[in-house]
Protein backbone atom coordinates (compact mmCIF):
# COMPACT_ATOMS: atom_id res chain seq x y z
CA MET A 1 -0.32 0.21 -0.18
CA SER A 2 1.24 3.64 -0.59
CA GLU A 3 2.46 6.00 1.32
CA GLU A 4 -0.39 8.82 1.51
CA ILE A 5 0.69 12.16 0.70
CA GLN A 6 1.27 14.52 3.77
CA PHE A 7 0.42 17.80 2.21
CA ASP A 8 0.91 20.97 3.82
CA ARG A 9 -1.83 23.69 3.44
CA ASN A 10 -0.75 25.72 6.25
CA PHE A 11 0.62 28.93 4.01
CA GLU A 12 -0.45 32.20 4.85
CA ALA A 13 1.52 34.88 3.03
CA ARG A 14 0.44 38.35 2.42
CA PRO A 15 -0.08 39.39 -1.42
CA GLY A 16 2.15 42.22 -3.29
CA VAL A 17 4.35 42.18 0.19
CA ALA A 18 7.98 40.67 -0.58
CA GLU A 19 9.21 38.19 1.91
CA GLU A 20 12.74 36.83 2.46
CA ILE A 21 12.28 33.34 3.00
CA ALA A 22 15.73 31.59 2.34
CA PRO A 23 18.91 33.57 2.48
CA GLY A 24 18.94 35.63 -0.99
CA VAL A 25 15.61 35.11 -2.23
CA ARG A 26 12.36 36.92 -1.87
CA ARG A 27 8.59 36.13 -2.48
CA ILE A 28 5.94 37.78 -3.80
CA LEU A 29 2.69 36.46 -3.56
CA CYS A 30 0.34 37.40 -6.39
CA ASP A 31 -3.18 38.01 -5.42
CA ASN A 32 -5.06 35.12 -8.30
CA PRO A 33 -6.19 32.13 -5.64
CA SER A 34 -8.01 29.51 -7.46
CA PRO A 35 -8.47 25.63 -6.59
CA PHE A 36 -5.53 25.46 -8.94
CA THR A 37 -3.82 28.21 -7.72
CA PHE A 38 -3.73 27.71 -4.18
CA LYS A 39 -3.16 31.35 -2.25
CA GLY A 40 -1.68 32.71 -5.85
CA THR A 41 1.47 32.39 -7.67
CA ASN A 42 4.36 32.98 -5.96
CA THR A 43 7.33 35.29 -7.86
CA TYR A 44 10.40 34.89 -6.49
CA ILE A 45 13.43 37.82 -6.60
CA VAL A 46 16.74 35.81 -6.51
CA GLY A 47 20.07 38.36 -5.35
CA ARG A 48 20.40 41.29 -4.29
CA GLY A 49 21.62 44.84 -6.19
CA SER A 50 21.66 43.11 -9.17
CA VAL A 51 18.83 39.79 -9.54
CA ALA A 52 17.27 37.41 -11.24
CA ILE A 53 13.18 37.52 -11.04
CA ILE A 54 11.76 33.56 -11.65
CA ASP A 55 8.33 33.10 -12.80
CA PRO A 56 6.97 36.82 -13.08
CA GLY A 57 3.05 35.72 -12.87
CA PRO A 58 0.01 36.81 -14.47
CA ALA A 59 -0.81 39.85 -16.20
CA ASP A 60 -1.82 41.70 -13.41
CA SER A 61 -1.45 45.14 -12.69
CA ARG A 62 -0.83 45.39 -9.37
CA HIS A 63 1.15 41.98 -8.87
CA ILE A 64 3.83 43.61 -11.66
CA ASP A 65 3.89 47.18 -9.65
CA ALA A 66 4.36 45.51 -5.90
CA ILE A 67 7.57 43.53 -8.33
CA LEU A 68 8.84 46.58 -9.56
CA SER A 69 8.07 48.52 -6.12
CA ALA A 70 10.14 45.47 -4.30
CA LEU A 71 13.06 46.61 -6.60
CA GLY A 72 13.90 49.78 -5.38
CA ASN A 73 17.03 50.79 -7.04
CA GLU A 74 17.80 47.60 -7.82
CA THR A 75 18.79 46.19 -11.77
CA VAL A 76 17.02 42.87 -12.68
CA ALA A 77 19.71 41.09 -14.77
CA GLN A 78 17.34 38.01 -15.73
CA ILE A 79 13.40 37.02 -15.96
CA LEU A 80 13.15 33.24 -15.98
CA VAL A 81 10.36 31.56 -16.34
CA SER A 82 9.00 28.38 -15.43
CA HIS A 83 6.58 27.64 -17.78
CA THR A 84 3.88 28.97 -20.55
CA HIS A 85 0.95 28.84 -18.17
CA ARG A 86 -0.86 32.04 -17.74
CA ASP A 87 -0.32 32.44 -14.07
CA HIS A 88 3.18 32.34 -14.87
CA SER A 89 4.56 33.89 -17.94
CA PRO A 90 2.45 36.79 -19.14
CA ALA A 91 4.23 39.80 -16.72
CA ALA A 92 7.12 39.05 -18.40
CA ALA A 93 6.56 41.61 -20.87
CA ALA A 94 5.59 44.15 -18.90
CA ILE A 95 8.67 43.46 -16.56
CA ARG A 96 10.79 43.01 -19.72
CA LYS A 97 9.84 46.43 -20.80
CA ALA A 98 10.13 48.17 -17.51
CA THR A 99 13.47 47.05 -16.48
CA GLY A 100 15.27 45.75 -20.10
CA ALA A 101 15.92 42.49 -18.60
CA LYS A 102 15.92 39.82 -21.25
CA THR A 103 13.72 36.54 -20.40
CA TYR A 104 14.92 32.75 -20.19
CA ALA A 105 13.09 29.23 -20.59
CA GLU A 106 12.71 26.57 -22.54
CA GLY A 107 11.00 27.55 -25.35
CA PRO A 108 7.26 29.06 -26.60
CA HIS A 109 4.26 26.63 -25.49
CA ARG A 110 3.67 23.70 -27.52
CA PRO A 111 1.96 20.62 -26.52
CA ALA A 112 4.17 17.10 -25.19
CA ARG A 113 2.74 15.53 -28.38
CA GLU A 114 1.70 16.37 -31.81
CA LEU A 115 -2.30 16.82 -31.75
CA HIS A 116 -4.51 14.60 -33.51
CA LEU A 117 -6.58 15.79 -36.23
CA GLY A 118 -9.81 17.97 -35.29
CA GLU A 119 -7.89 17.67 -31.65
CA THR A 120 -8.13 20.83 -29.49
CA PRO A 121 -6.35 21.00 -25.71
CA PRO A 122 -8.59 20.87 -23.15
CA LEU A 123 -6.51 23.46 -21.39
CA ASP A 124 -5.53 25.49 -24.01
CA SER A 125 -7.30 28.62 -23.27
CA GLY A 126 -4.55 28.28 -20.03
CA GLY A 127 -1.63 28.40 -22.30
CA ASP A 128 0.53 31.71 -23.15
CA GLY A 129 1.02 31.48 -26.46
CA ASP A 130 2.10 35.22 -26.78
CA PHE A 131 5.51 34.13 -24.81
CA THR A 132 8.95 33.61 -26.61
CA PRO A 133 11.88 33.57 -24.57
CA ASP A 134 15.04 35.98 -25.61
CA HIS A 135 16.95 32.96 -24.95
CA LYS A 136 16.09 29.45 -24.85
CA LEU A 137 17.41 27.50 -22.10
CA ALA A 138 19.65 24.34 -22.53
CA ASP A 139 19.07 21.78 -19.82
CA GLY A 140 21.69 22.03 -17.28
CA GLU A 141 22.76 25.85 -18.36
CA VAL A 142 23.65 27.89 -15.52
CA ILE A 143 22.47 31.29 -15.25
CA GLU A 144 24.99 33.23 -13.70
CA GLY A 145 24.27 36.66 -11.11
CA LYS A 146 26.27 38.81 -9.39
CA ASP A 147 25.57 36.68 -6.53
CA TYR A 148 24.17 33.33 -7.66
CA ALA A 149 23.98 30.97 -10.13
CA LEU A 150 21.12 29.12 -11.25
CA GLU A 151 21.09 25.69 -13.10
CA ALA A 152 17.82 25.02 -15.46
CA VAL A 153 16.90 21.96 -14.96
CA PHE A 154 14.37 20.45 -17.44
CA THR A 155 11.02 19.07 -16.17
CA PRO A 156 9.36 18.24 -18.47
CA GLY A 157 5.42 16.85 -17.56
CA HIS A 158 3.19 19.46 -16.07
CA THR A 159 3.87 21.01 -19.53
CA ALA A 160 6.42 20.51 -22.17
CA ASN A 161 8.61 23.30 -21.66
CA HIS A 162 8.75 23.01 -17.37
CA VAL A 163 12.16 24.06 -16.11
CA ALA A 164 13.07 23.70 -11.96
CA PHE A 165 16.30 26.17 -11.53
CA ALA A 166 18.48 25.06 -8.85
CA LEU A 167 20.71 27.90 -6.33
CA ARG A 168 23.72 26.32 -6.72
CA GLY A 169 25.63 26.35 -3.43
CA THR A 170 22.67 26.30 -1.52
CA ASP A 171 19.95 23.46 -1.16
CA VAL A 172 17.07 24.84 -3.29
CA LEU A 173 15.42 24.08 -5.78
CA PHE A 174 12.50 26.57 -7.40
CA SER A 175 10.67 23.81 -8.85
CA ALA A 176 7.82 25.28 -10.31
CA ASP A 177 4.34 23.39 -10.46
CA HIS A 178 6.07 20.11 -10.53
CA VAL A 179 5.99 19.56 -7.11
CA MET A 180 4.16 21.37 -4.22
CA GLY A 181 3.27 21.30 -0.78
CA TRP A 182 -0.70 21.64 -1.13
CA ALA A 183 -0.99 19.74 -3.83
CA THR A 184 -0.19 17.26 -6.88
CA SER A 185 0.54 18.72 -10.24
CA ILE A 186 -1.99 18.57 -12.95
CA VAL A 187 -0.92 16.85 -16.22
CA ALA A 188 -3.00 17.71 -18.82
CA PRO A 189 -2.59 16.03 -22.21
CA PRO A 190 -2.06 17.37 -24.66
CA ASP A 191 -0.50 20.24 -23.03
CA GLY A 192 1.49 17.76 -20.65
CA SER A 193 2.32 13.78 -20.50
CA MET A 194 2.13 11.44 -17.10
CA SER A 195 5.32 9.52 -18.99
CA ASP A 196 7.51 12.77 -19.29
CA TYR A 197 6.01 14.11 -15.73
CA MET A 198 7.31 10.24 -13.68
CA ALA A 199 10.29 10.55 -15.51
CA SER A 200 11.36 14.18 -13.77
CA LEU A 201 9.59 13.29 -10.99
CA HIS A 202 12.77 10.07 -10.95
CA LYS A 203 15.11 12.94 -12.47
CA LEU A 204 14.84 15.09 -9.02
CA GLU A 205 15.49 11.93 -7.07
CA LYS A 206 18.85 12.12 -8.04
CA ARG A 207 19.08 15.56 -7.33
CA PRO A 208 21.06 16.49 -3.56
CA GLU A 209 18.31 19.72 -2.96
CA SER A 210 16.43 18.85 -0.32
CA LEU A 211 14.19 22.76 0.33
CA TYR A 212 11.64 23.20 -2.51
CA LEU A 213 10.59 26.43 -3.53
CA PRO A 214 7.11 26.36 -5.32
CA GLY A 215 4.96 27.93 -8.12
CA HIS A 216 1.94 27.90 -5.58
CA GLY A 217 2.23 27.46 -1.59
CA GLY A 218 4.79 27.43 0.46
CA PRO A 219 8.06 25.61 1.18
CA VAL A 220 8.51 22.05 0.67
CA THR A 221 11.24 21.09 3.42
CA ASN A 222 10.82 17.34 2.84
CA ALA A 223 11.87 17.21 -0.86
CA HIS A 224 13.02 13.62 -1.24
CA LYS A 225 10.24 12.57 1.10
CA LEU A 226 7.43 14.24 -1.15
CA LEU A 227 8.97 13.03 -4.00
CA HIS A 228 8.64 9.48 -3.31
CA GLN A 229 5.35 10.10 -2.40
CA TYR A 230 4.60 11.68 -5.52
CA ILE A 231 5.33 8.66 -7.46
CA GLU A 232 3.83 5.96 -4.96
CA HIS A 233 0.82 8.45 -5.24
CA ARG A 234 0.83 8.39 -9.36
CA GLU A 235 1.57 4.70 -9.12
CA ALA A 236 -1.15 3.29 -6.96
CA ARG A 237 -3.26 5.69 -9.27
CA GLU A 238 -2.23 3.86 -12.21
CA THR A 239 -2.88 0.54 -10.54
CA ALA A 240 -6.48 1.59 -9.73
CA ILE A 241 -7.25 2.84 -13.27
CA LEU A 242 -6.38 -0.57 -14.91
CA ARG A 243 -8.23 -2.35 -11.89
CA LYS A 244 -11.49 -0.80 -12.62
CA LEU A 245 -10.69 -1.31 -16.18
CA SER A 246 -10.90 -4.99 -15.46
CA ARG A 247 -13.99 -4.57 -14.01
CA GLY A 248 -15.54 -3.30 -16.47
CA GLU A 249 -15.63 0.70 -16.72
CA SER A 250 -14.46 1.53 -19.96
CA ASP A 251 -14.42 6.04 -19.74
CA ILE A 252 -13.17 8.69 -17.80
CA PRO A 253 -16.18 10.08 -16.03
CA GLY A 254 -16.71 5.90 -14.97
CA ILE A 255 -13.22 5.60 -13.73
CA VAL A 256 -13.31 9.26 -11.75
CA GLN A 257 -16.21 8.39 -10.22
CA ALA A 258 -15.03 5.07 -8.86
CA ILE A 259 -11.36 5.99 -7.81
CA TYR A 260 -11.90 10.05 -6.82
CA ILE A 261 -14.14 9.34 -3.80
CA GLY A 262 -15.06 12.59 -2.06
CA LEU A 263 -13.78 14.88 -5.16
CA ASP A 264 -14.44 18.44 -4.91
CA PRO A 265 -16.80 19.17 -7.80
CA ARG A 266 -14.43 22.06 -8.64
CA LEU A 267 -11.82 19.81 -9.50
CA ALA A 268 -13.82 16.86 -11.51
CA LYS A 269 -12.31 18.63 -14.81
CA ALA A 270 -8.51 18.03 -13.40
CA ALA A 271 -9.46 14.27 -11.85
CA ALA A 272 -10.86 13.40 -15.58
CA LEU A 273 -7.65 15.29 -17.54
CA THR A 274 -4.94 13.60 -14.89
CA THR A 275 -7.11 10.23 -15.83
CA TYR A 276 -6.78 10.51 -19.13
CA ALA A 277 -2.89 11.57 -18.43
CA HIS A 278 -2.58 7.70 -16.80
CA LEU A 279 -4.63 6.11 -19.82
CA GLU A 280 -2.28 7.84 -22.53
CA THR A 281 0.93 6.35 -21.07
CA LEU A 282 -0.96 2.70 -20.32
CA VAL A 283 -1.39 2.97 -24.34
CA GLU A 284 1.78 3.65 -25.34
CA ARG A 285 2.83 0.98 -23.00
CA ASN A 286 0.41 -1.28 -24.41
CA LEU A 287 -1.15 -2.11 -21.19
CA VAL A 288 -4.37 -0.33 -22.39
CA ALA A 289 -6.15 0.04 -26.19
CA THR A 290 -8.71 2.98 -27.42
CA ASP A 291 -10.34 2.85 -31.22
CA GLY A 292 -9.10 5.54 -33.01
CA ALA A 293 -7.46 8.87 -31.51
CA LEU A 294 -6.70 8.96 -27.61
CA SER A 295 -9.39 11.61 -26.42
CA LEU A 296 -11.23 12.39 -22.79
CA GLY A 297 -14.12 11.10 -24.39
CA GLY A 298 -13.03 7.53 -25.65
CA ARG A 299 -13.50 4.13 -24.75
CA TYR A 300 -10.48 2.07 -23.18
CA ARG A 301 -10.08 -0.68 -22.63
CA LEU A 302 -7.24 -3.67 -21.02
CA THR A 303 -5.42 -5.47 -23.91
CA ALA A 304 -4.31 -8.63 -22.23
């Protein structure tokens, strides 16, 4: 039996206020709470005097003003974007215009796989198709500042272009939406990929960082324990889906109703998309079959 994830939802921060949460790291919470963003998006300022901004956030004028106000006379050397969802990247344009800093990311928004004929990504409205970085990062590339060095750690899964950033010389990893302490990450095909997501979890298991600063919620102080719980949780969910298919369930709504007991109705779509992501990887591994192209409305069955 898998170990239950010990979520930490005790997170209190004042939106718009810069708070030092680790040596050389300040956090500003955006006031955009929702079932998917928790209390809001975390923007991080790394360094002093000449700084890097990680995840400038949504196109929210109050949040942009709060970031610029917190900087005072400091200069911005780099604007780093973990991924191109609308709660993380759109403010980069305004910050870039105000400071002259260049933007850094893995690349523009794109699906994790080729779209099927006529397919529309279910979370297409959540992607920031307007963002293109000035500098496309390479996995393992180090972005250096006056008193910091940040390593780009590619972690696809939540999105195809998701990147975490490791603060060299410390145990800090800015994990964005890949690993959070308040909830598991949503993986929604074709925007994201469960196969990629699991590979990225295993990749982080091999790294030394133990303090994760996520895109939403408070710091994760038990990172490796949480990674283990995340992996076990996904493996248990996969097993549950296979079990339901063996007992006659064949569509995503039926599977969700059977395995997500007591689900908040506001999260029903997220549960369906995550189930879809699991089914997609099971089809890739020839454990499950479907007629025609993969879809949220498809019918699925075991191959053996």
